[in-house]
Amino acid sequence: MKHIPLRSCIVCRRQKDKSELLRIVRQPDGAVVIDATGKAAGRGAYVCKSGDCMQTAVKKRALNRAYKQPLSDEVYKELEKAYESIDAD
């Protein structure tokens, strides 16, 4: 039986398959990006691919808690735009 990695959503705290979640990475240079491959270097945080969890993460600034540092409003706006482009595909 193959091992299926589980990760927790930072918003709803549900454990799901890694493939069902969207990974958001704070890279070593400080940039925060959506990691489509799931293998980018840096500190990762996972959010459900559903629009509700992503909207709540932006609204409540959940990534600040996950990364233990405040992120700027520009970062959250860029994440929303990137998520909308992924969601449209």
PDB file of N, CA and C in Angstrom:
ATOM      1  N   MET A   1       0.840  -1.185   0.000  1.00  0.00           N
ATOM      2  CA  MET A   1       0.000   0.000   0.000  1.00  0.00           C
ATOM      3  C   MET A   1       0.881   1.242   0.000  1.00  0.00           C
ATOM      4  N   LYS A   2       0.605   2.145  -0.913  1.00  0.00           N
ATOM      5  CA  LYS A   2       1.404   3.354  -1.048  1.00  0.00           C
ATOM      6  C   LYS A   2       1.010   4.394  -0.004  1.00  0.00           C
ATOM      7  N   HIS A   3       2.022   5.028   0.563  1.00  0.00           N
ATOM      8  CA  HIS A   3       1.802   6.079   1.561  1.00  0.00           C
ATOM      9  C   HIS A   3       1.286   7.346   0.876  1.00  0.00           C
ATOM     10  N   ILE A   4       0.198   7.904   1.399  1.00  0.00           N
ATOM     11  CA  ILE A   4      -0.366   9.149   0.876  1.00  0.00           C
ATOM     12  C   ILE A   4      -0.098  10.248   1.901  1.00  0.00           C
ATOM     13  N   PRO A   5       0.720  11.243   1.531  1.00  0.00           N
ATOM     14  CA  PRO A   5       1.029  12.297   2.498  1.00  0.00           C
ATOM     15  C   PRO A   5      -0.201  13.151   2.814  1.00  0.00           C
ATOM     16  N   LEU A   6      -0.398  13.420   4.101  1.00  0.00           N
ATOM     17  CA  LEU A   6      -1.501  14.261   4.559  1.00  0.00           C
ATOM     18  C   LEU A   6      -0.951  15.586   5.052  1.00  0.00           C
ATOM     19  N   ARG A   7      -1.689  16.641   4.793  1.00  0.00           N
ATOM     20  CA  ARG A   7      -1.334  17.972   5.267  1.00  0.00           C
ATOM     21  C   ARG A   7      -2.596  18.622   5.812  1.00  0.00           C
ATOM     22  N   SER A   8      -2.422  19.637   6.665  1.00  0.00           N
ATOM     23  CA  SER A   8      -3.556  20.337   7.263  1.00  0.00           C
ATOM     24  C   SER A   8      -3.714  21.719   6.651  1.00  0.00           C
ATOM     25  N   CYS A   9      -4.951  22.071   6.370  1.00  0.00           N
ATOM     26  CA  CYS A   9      -5.270  23.418   5.889  1.00  0.00           C
ATOM     27  C   CYS A   9      -5.088  24.395   7.053  1.00  0.00           C
ATOM     28  N   ILE A  10      -4.439  25.538   6.812  1.00  0.00           N
ATOM     29  CA  ILE A  10      -4.198  26.497   7.883  1.00  0.00           C
ATOM     30  C   ILE A  10      -5.457  27.259   8.284  1.00  0.00           C
ATOM     31  N   VAL A  11      -6.523  27.127   7.489  1.00  0.00           N
ATOM     32  CA  VAL A  11      -7.763  27.843   7.788  1.00  0.00           C
ATOM     33  C   VAL A  11      -8.748  26.938   8.519  1.00  0.00           C
ATOM     34  N   CYS A  12      -9.144  25.838   7.878  1.00  0.00           N
ATOM     35  CA  CYS A  12     -10.173  24.966   8.461  1.00  0.00           C
ATOM     36  C   CYS A  12      -9.584  23.845   9.317  1.00  0.00           C
ATOM     37  N   ARG A  13      -8.273  23.654   9.261  1.00  0.00           N
ATOM     38  CA  ARG A  13      -7.549  22.660  10.056  1.00  0.00           C
ATOM     39  C   ARG A  13      -7.894  21.210   9.701  1.00  0.00           C
ATOM     40  N   ARG A  14      -8.532  20.978   8.569  1.00  0.00           N
ATOM     41  CA  ARG A  14      -8.841  19.606   8.152  1.00  0.00           C
ATOM     42  C   ARG A  14      -7.619  18.988   7.497  1.00  0.00           C
ATOM     43  N   GLN A  15      -7.397  17.710   7.765  1.00  0.00           N
ATOM     44  CA  GLN A  15      -6.315  17.001   7.098  1.00  0.00           C
ATOM     45  C   GLN A  15      -6.833  16.417   5.799  1.00  0.00           C
ATOM     46  N   LYS A  16      -6.055  16.632   4.738  1.00  0.00           N
ATOM     47  CA  LYS A  16      -6.427  16.130   3.418  1.00  0.00           C
ATOM     48  C   LYS A  16      -5.177  15.626   2.730  1.00  0.00           C
ATOM     49  N   ASP A  17      -5.385  14.924   1.616  1.00  0.00           N
ATOM     50  CA  ASP A  17      -4.250  14.528   0.783  1.00  0.00           C
ATOM     51  C   ASP A  17      -3.519  15.794   0.340  1.00  0.00           C
ATOM     52  N   LYS A  18      -2.222  15.675   0.227  1.00  0.00           N
ATOM     53  CA  LYS A  18      -1.415  16.819  -0.200  1.00  0.00           C
ATOM     54  C   LYS A  18      -1.884  17.339  -1.561  1.00  0.00           C
ATOM     55  N   SER A  19      -2.354  16.436  -2.422  1.00  0.00           N
ATOM     56  CA  SER A  19      -2.793  16.835  -3.762  1.00  0.00           C
ATOM     57  C   SER A  19      -4.088  17.645  -3.753  1.00  0.00           C
ATOM     58  N   GLU A  20      -4.847  17.588  -2.677  1.00  0.00           N
ATOM     59  CA  GLU A  20      -6.115  18.318  -2.573  1.00  0.00           C
ATOM     60  C   GLU A  20      -5.937  19.728  -2.012  1.00  0.00           C
ATOM     61  N   LEU A  21      -4.715  20.067  -1.628  1.00  0.00           N
ATOM     62  CA  LEU A  21      -4.436  21.366  -1.028  1.00  0.00           C
ATOM     63  C   LEU A  21      -3.513  22.185  -1.916  1.00  0.00           C
ATOM     64  N   LEU A  22      -3.553  23.476  -1.717  1.00  0.00           N
ATOM     65  CA  LEU A  22      -2.707  24.411  -2.451  1.00  0.00           C
ATOM     66  C   LEU A  22      -1.575  24.835  -1.526  1.00  0.00           C
ATOM     67  N   ARG A  23      -0.329  24.711  -1.990  1.00  0.00           N
ATOM     68  CA  ARG A  23       0.823  25.054  -1.156  1.00  0.00           C
ATOM     69  C   ARG A  23       1.253  26.489  -1.446  1.00  0.00           C
ATOM     70  N   ILE A  24       1.409  27.255  -0.386  1.00  0.00           N
ATOM     71  CA  ILE A  24       1.885  28.624  -0.479  1.00  0.00           C
ATOM     72  C   ILE A  24       3.236  28.660   0.226  1.00  0.00           C
ATOM     73  N   VAL A  25       4.257  29.140  -0.469  1.00  0.00           N
ATOM     74  CA  VAL A  25       5.626  29.054   0.022  1.00  0.00           C
ATOM     75  C   VAL A  25       6.219  30.427   0.290  1.00  0.00           C
ATOM     76  N   ARG A  26       6.877  30.542   1.442  1.00  0.00           N
ATOM     77  CA  ARG A  26       7.719  31.714   1.699  1.00  0.00           C
ATOM     78  C   ARG A  26       9.131  31.271   1.358  1.00  0.00           C
ATOM     79  N   GLN A  27       9.654  31.798   0.278  1.00  0.00           N
ATOM     80  CA  GLN A  27      10.961  31.397  -0.216  1.00  0.00           C
ATOM     81  C   GLN A  27      12.068  31.994   0.653  1.00  0.00           C
ATOM     82  N   PRO A  28      13.276  31.431   0.562  1.00  0.00           N
ATOM     83  CA  PRO A  28      14.390  31.939   1.383  1.00  0.00           C
ATOM     84  C   PRO A  28      14.662  33.430   1.208  1.00  0.00           C
ATOM     85  N   ASP A  29      14.333  33.988   0.037  1.00  0.00           N
ATOM     86  CA  ASP A  29      14.544  35.422  -0.178  1.00  0.00           C
ATOM     87  C   ASP A  29      13.404  36.280   0.371  1.00  0.00           C
ATOM     88  N   GLY A  30      12.372  35.645   0.933  1.00  0.00           N
ATOM     89  CA  GLY A  30      11.257  36.369   1.541  1.00  0.00           C
ATOM     90  C   GLY A  30      10.026  36.487   0.668  1.00  0.00           C
ATOM     91  N   ALA A  31      10.115  36.113  -0.600  1.00  0.00           N
ATOM     92  CA  ALA A  31       8.966  36.182  -1.500  1.00  0.00           C
ATOM     93  C   ALA A  31       7.954  35.098  -1.139  1.00  0.00           C
ATOM     94  N   VAL A  32       6.683  35.418  -1.281  1.00  0.00           N
ATOM     95  CA  VAL A  32       5.610  34.458  -1.003  1.00  0.00           C
ATOM     96  C   VAL A  32       4.895  34.171  -2.317  1.00  0.00           C
ATOM     97  N   VAL A  33       4.874  32.884  -2.711  1.00  0.00           N
ATOM     98  CA  VAL A  33       4.286  32.484  -3.993  1.00  0.00           C
ATOM     99  C   VAL A  33       3.463  31.210  -3.822  1.00  0.00           C
ATOM    100  N   ILE A  34       2.577  30.976  -4.788  1.00  0.00           N
ATOM    101  CA  ILE A  34       1.834  29.719  -4.829  1.00  0.00           C
ATOM    102  C   ILE A  34       2.706  28.695  -5.534  1.00  0.00           C
ATOM    103  N   ASP A  35       2.888  27.548  -4.904  1.00  0.00           N
ATOM    104  CA  ASP A  35       3.748  26.491  -5.429  1.00  0.00           C
ATOM    105  C   ASP A  35       2.893  25.427  -6.095  1.00  0.00           C
ATOM    106  N   ALA A  36       2.862  25.427  -7.411  1.00  0.00           N
ATOM    107  CA  ALA A  36       2.056  24.457  -8.152  1.00  0.00           C
ATOM    108  C   ALA A  36       2.670  23.060  -8.115  1.00  0.00           C
ATOM    109  N   THR A  37       3.991  22.970  -7.999  1.00  0.00           N
ATOM    110  CA  THR A  37       4.657  21.665  -8.011  1.00  0.00           C
ATOM    111  C   THR A  37       4.637  20.987  -6.653  1.00  0.00           C
ATOM    112  N   GLY A  38       4.568  21.765  -5.578  1.00  0.00           N
ATOM    113  CA  GLY A  38       4.605  21.194  -4.239  1.00  0.00           C
ATOM    114  C   GLY A  38       6.003  20.861  -3.774  1.00  0.00           C
ATOM    115  N   LYS A  39       7.012  21.318  -4.509  1.00  0.00           N
ATOM    116  CA  LYS A  39       8.388  20.970  -4.179  1.00  0.00           C
ATOM    117  C   LYS A  39       9.328  22.164  -4.090  1.00  0.00           C
ATOM    118  N   ALA A  40       8.804  23.366  -4.140  1.00  0.00           N
ATOM    119  CA  ALA A  40       9.652  24.560  -4.105  1.00  0.00           C
ATOM    120  C   ALA A  40      10.325  24.683  -2.742  1.00  0.00           C
ATOM    121  N   ALA A  41      11.526  25.244  -2.743  1.00  0.00           N
ATOM    122  CA  ALA A  41      12.267  25.436  -1.501  1.00  0.00           C
ATOM    123  C   ALA A  41      11.624  26.538  -0.676  1.00  0.00           C
ATOM    124  N   GLY A  42      11.579  26.339   0.615  1.00  0.00           N
ATOM    125  CA  GLY A  42      11.043  27.352   1.509  1.00  0.00           C
ATOM    126  C   GLY A  42      10.011  26.783   2.458  1.00  0.00           C
ATOM    127  N   ARG A  43       9.493  27.646   3.299  1.00  0.00           N
ATOM    128  CA  ARG A  43       8.502  27.273   4.305  1.00  0.00           C
ATOM    129  C   ARG A  43       7.134  27.214   3.644  1.00  0.00           C
ATOM    130  N   GLY A  44       6.468  26.075   3.727  1.00  0.00           N
ATOM    131  CA  GLY A  44       5.181  25.901   3.084  1.00  0.00           C
ATOM    132  C   GLY A  44       4.013  25.952   4.049  1.00  0.00           C
ATOM    133  N   ALA A  45       2.900  26.451   3.560  1.00  0.00           N
ATOM    134  CA  ALA A  45       1.631  26.440   4.286  1.00  0.00           C
ATOM    135  C   ALA A  45       0.579  25.975   3.293  1.00  0.00           C
ATOM    136  N   TYR A  46      -0.382  25.219   3.764  1.00  0.00           N
ATOM    137  CA  TYR A  46      -1.372  24.618   2.878  1.00  0.00           C
ATOM    138  C   TYR A  46      -2.754  25.200   3.122  1.00  0.00           C
ATOM    139  N   VAL A  47      -3.475  25.428   2.012  1.00  0.00           N
ATOM    140  CA  VAL A  47      -4.840  25.952   2.048  1.00  0.00           C
ATOM    141  C   VAL A  47      -5.686  25.088   1.121  1.00  0.00           C
ATOM    142  N   CYS A  48      -6.930  24.812   1.505  1.00  0.00           N
ATOM    143  CA  CYS A  48      -7.842  24.051   0.652  1.00  0.00           C
ATOM    144  C   CYS A  48      -7.992  24.763  -0.687  1.00  0.00           C
ATOM    145  N   LYS A  49      -8.174  23.985  -1.726  1.00  0.00           N
ATOM    146  CA  LYS A  49      -8.349  24.577  -3.053  1.00  0.00           C
ATOM    147  C   LYS A  49      -9.712  25.245  -3.206  1.00  0.00           C
ATOM    148  N   SER A  50     -10.607  25.048  -2.239  1.00  0.00           N
ATOM    149  CA  SER A  50     -11.916  25.694  -2.305  1.00  0.00           C
ATOM    150  C   SER A  50     -11.755  27.195  -2.105  1.00  0.00           C
ATOM    151  N   GLY A  51     -12.603  27.961  -2.738  1.00  0.00           N
ATOM    152  CA  GLY A  51     -12.527  29.413  -2.647  1.00  0.00           C
ATOM    153  C   GLY A  51     -12.765  29.942  -1.245  1.00  0.00           C
ATOM    154  N   ASP A  52     -13.574  29.236  -0.461  1.00  0.00           N
ATOM    155  CA  ASP A  52     -13.895  29.702   0.888  1.00  0.00           C
ATOM    156  C   ASP A  52     -12.660  29.778   1.775  1.00  0.00           C
ATOM    157  N   CYS A  53     -11.846  28.739   1.758  1.00  0.00           N
ATOM    158  CA  CYS A  53     -10.656  28.729   2.616  1.00  0.00           C
ATOM    159  C   CYS A  53      -9.650  29.790   2.181  1.00  0.00           C
ATOM    160  N   MET A  54      -9.467  29.966   0.889  1.00  0.00           N
ATOM    161  CA  MET A  54      -8.515  30.975   0.416  1.00  0.00           C
ATOM    162  C   MET A  54      -9.006  32.375   0.782  1.00  0.00           C
ATOM    163  N   GLN A  55     -10.306  32.631   0.610  1.00  0.00           N
ATOM    164  CA  GLN A  55     -10.851  33.941   0.970  1.00  0.00           C
ATOM    165  C   GLN A  55     -10.702  34.192   2.463  1.00  0.00           C
ATOM    166  N   THR A  56     -10.938  33.179   3.279  1.00  0.00           N
ATOM    167  CA  THR A  56     -10.798  33.320   4.726  1.00  0.00           C
ATOM    168  C   THR A  56      -9.345  33.544   5.107  1.00  0.00           C
ATOM    169  N   ALA A  57      -8.422  32.849   4.439  1.00  0.00           N
ATOM    170  CA  ALA A  57      -6.991  33.025   4.713  1.00  0.00           C
ATOM    171  C   ALA A  57      -6.564  34.464   4.452  1.00  0.00           C
ATOM    172  N   VAL A  58      -7.077  35.049   3.378  1.00  0.00           N
ATOM    173  CA  VAL A  58      -6.743  36.439   3.055  1.00  0.00           C
ATOM    174  C   VAL A  58      -7.415  37.387   4.039  1.00  0.00           C
ATOM    175  N   LYS A  59      -8.685  37.141   4.313  1.00  0.00           N
ATOM    176  CA  LYS A  59      -9.450  38.021   5.199  1.00  0.00           C
ATOM    177  C   LYS A  59      -8.876  38.047   6.622  1.00  0.00           C
ATOM    178  N   LYS A  60      -8.539  36.876   7.144  1.00  0.00           N
ATOM    179  CA  LYS A  60      -8.056  36.782   8.526  1.00  0.00           C
ATOM    180  C   LYS A  60      -6.532  36.821   8.633  1.00  0.00           C
ATOM    181  N   ARG A  61      -5.863  36.990   7.491  1.00  0.00           N
ATOM    182  CA  ARG A  61      -4.400  37.056   7.475  1.00  0.00           C
ATOM    183  C   ARG A  61      -3.783  35.805   8.112  1.00  0.00           C
ATOM    184  N   ALA A  62      -4.269  34.641   7.727  1.00  0.00           N
ATOM    185  CA  ALA A  62      -3.832  33.365   8.304  1.00  0.00           C
ATOM    186  C   ALA A  62      -2.366  33.062   8.023  1.00  0.00           C
ATOM    187  N   LEU A  63      -1.829  33.585   6.940  1.00  0.00           N
ATOM    188  CA  LEU A  63      -0.420  33.320   6.633  1.00  0.00           C
ATOM    189  C   LEU A  63       0.518  34.017   7.611  1.00  0.00           C
ATOM    190  N   ASN A  64       0.081  35.095   8.222  1.00  0.00           N
ATOM    191  CA  ASN A  64       0.899  35.748   9.245  1.00  0.00           C
ATOM    192  C   ASN A  64       1.185  34.774  10.384  1.00  0.00           C
ATOM    193  N   ARG A  65       0.169  34.039  10.785  1.00  0.00           N
ATOM    194  CA  ARG A  65       0.315  33.069  11.866  1.00  0.00           C
ATOM    195  C   ARG A  65       1.164  31.877  11.416  1.00  0.00           C
ATOM    196  N   ALA A  66       0.940  31.412  10.195  1.00  0.00           N
ATOM    197  CA  ALA A  66       1.667  30.252   9.694  1.00  0.00           C
ATOM    198  C   ALA A  66       3.161  30.539   9.547  1.00  0.00           C
ATOM    199  N   TYR A  67       3.502  31.732   9.095  1.00  0.00           N
ATOM    200  CA  TYR A  67       4.906  32.084   8.884  1.00  0.00           C
ATOM    201  C   TYR A  67       5.529  32.811  10.067  1.00  0.00           C
ATOM    202  N   LYS A  68       4.729  33.104  11.090  1.00  0.00           N
ATOM    203  CA  LYS A  68       5.186  33.777  12.306  1.00  0.00           C
ATOM    204  C   LYS A  68       5.846  35.124  12.002  1.00  0.00           C
ATOM    205  N   GLN A  69       5.296  35.820  11.016  1.00  0.00           N
ATOM    206  CA  GLN A  69       5.730  37.179  10.688  1.00  0.00           C
ATOM    207  C   GLN A  69       4.635  37.857   9.887  1.00  0.00           C
ATOM    208  N   PRO A  70       4.505  39.169  10.011  1.00  0.00           N
ATOM    209  CA  PRO A  70       3.462  39.868   9.255  1.00  0.00           C
ATOM    210  C   PRO A  70       3.816  39.962   7.773  1.00  0.00           C
ATOM    211  N   LEU A  71       2.815  39.769   6.926  1.00  0.00           N
ATOM    212  CA  LEU A  71       2.986  39.914   5.480  1.00  0.00           C
ATOM    213  C   LEU A  71       2.236  41.160   5.041  1.00  0.00           C
ATOM    214  N   SER A  72       2.725  41.799   4.010  1.00  0.00           N
ATOM    215  CA  SER A  72       2.115  43.046   3.544  1.00  0.00           C
ATOM    216  C   SER A  72       0.812  42.778   2.791  1.00  0.00           C
ATOM    217  N   ASP A  73       0.015  43.816   2.650  1.00  0.00           N
ATOM    218  CA  ASP A  73      -1.239  43.727   1.907  1.00  0.00           C
ATOM    219  C   ASP A  73      -0.988  43.369   0.446  1.00  0.00           C
ATOM    220  N   GLU A  74       0.134  43.838  -0.107  1.00  0.00           N
ATOM    221  CA  GLU A  74       0.465  43.535  -1.499  1.00  0.00           C
ATOM    222  C   GLU A  74       0.618  42.035  -1.717  1.00  0.00           C
ATOM    223  N   VAL A  75       1.229  41.347  -0.734  1.00  0.00           N
ATOM    224  CA  VAL A  75       1.414  39.894  -0.841  1.00  0.00           C
ATOM    225  C   VAL A  75       0.060  39.202  -0.914  1.00  0.00           C
ATOM    226  N   TYR A  76      -0.863  39.607  -0.062  1.00  0.00           N
ATOM    227  CA  TYR A  76      -2.194  38.993  -0.065  1.00  0.00           C
ATOM    228  C   TYR A  76      -2.941  39.284  -1.364  1.00  0.00           C
ATOM    229  N   LYS A  77      -2.799  40.490  -1.898  1.00  0.00           N
ATOM    230  CA  LYS A  77      -3.451  40.824  -3.169  1.00  0.00           C
ATOM    231  C   LYS A  77      -2.886  39.983  -4.302  1.00  0.00           C
ATOM    232  N   GLU A  78      -1.573  39.795  -4.315  1.00  0.00           N
ATOM    233  CA  GLU A  78      -0.939  38.978  -5.354  1.00  0.00           C
ATOM    234  C   GLU A  78      -1.387  37.529  -5.242  1.00  0.00           C
ATOM    235  N   LEU A  79      -1.511  37.026  -4.020  1.00  0.00           N
ATOM    236  CA  LEU A  79      -1.969  35.652  -3.824  1.00  0.00           C
ATOM    237  C   LEU A  79      -3.401  35.473  -4.323  1.00  0.00           C
ATOM    238  N   GLU A  80      -4.242  36.461  -4.058  1.00  0.00           N
ATOM    239  CA  GLU A  80      -5.622  36.401  -4.549  1.00  0.00           C
ATOM    240  C   GLU A  80      -5.657  36.349  -6.072  1.00  0.00           C
ATOM    241  N   LYS A  81      -4.853  37.189  -6.719  1.00  0.00           N
ATOM    242  CA  LYS A  81      -4.804  37.200  -8.182  1.00  0.00           C
ATOM    243  C   LYS A  81      -4.300  35.866  -8.720  1.00  0.00           C
ATOM    244  N   ALA A  82      -3.243  35.342  -8.106  1.00  0.00           N
ATOM    245  CA  ALA A  82      -2.683  34.062  -8.556  1.00  0.00           C
ATOM    246  C   ALA A  82      -3.687  32.937  -8.349  1.00  0.00           C
ATOM    247  N   TYR A  83      -4.409  32.968  -7.226  1.00  0.00           N
ATOM    248  CA  TYR A  83      -5.405  31.934  -6.956  1.00  0.00           C
ATOM    249  C   TYR A  83      -6.543  32.006  -7.967  1.00  0.00           C
ATOM    250  N   GLU A  84      -6.980  33.216  -8.296  1.00  0.00           N
ATOM    251  CA  GLU A  84      -8.066  33.367  -9.269  1.00  0.00           C
ATOM    252  C   GLU A  84      -7.663  32.829 -10.633  1.00  0.00           C
ATOM    253  N   SER A  85      -6.407  33.039 -11.014  1.00  0.00           N
ATOM    254  CA  SER A  85      -5.948  32.519 -12.313  1.00  0.00           C
ATOM    255  C   SER A  85      -5.861  30.993 -12.296  1.00  0.00           C
ATOM    256  N   ILE A  86      -5.489  30.414 -11.161  1.00  0.00           N
ATOM    257  CA  ILE A  86      -5.449  28.942 -11.038  1.00  0.00           C
ATOM    258  C   ILE A  86      -6.870  28.397 -11.022  1.00  0.00           C
ATOM    259  N   ASP A  87      -7.749  29.060 -10.281  1.00  0.00           N
ATOM    260  CA  ASP A  87      -9.141  28.610 -10.145  1.00  0.00           C
ATOM    261  C   ASP A  87      -9.876  28.667 -11.473  1.00  0.00           C
ATOM    262  N   ALA A  88      -9.516  29.600 -12.351  1.00  0.00           N
ATOM    263  CA  ALA A  88     -10.173  29.743 -13.634  1.00  0.00           C
ATOM    264  C   ALA A  88      -9.798  28.618 -14.615  1.00  0.00           C
ATOM    265  N   ASP A  89      -8.634  27.999 -14.398  1.00  0.00           N
ATOM    266  CA  ASP A  89      -8.171  26.933 -15.290  1.00  0.00           C
ATOM    267  C   ASP A  89      -9.004  25.689 -15.209  1.00  0.00           C
TER     268      ASP A  89
END
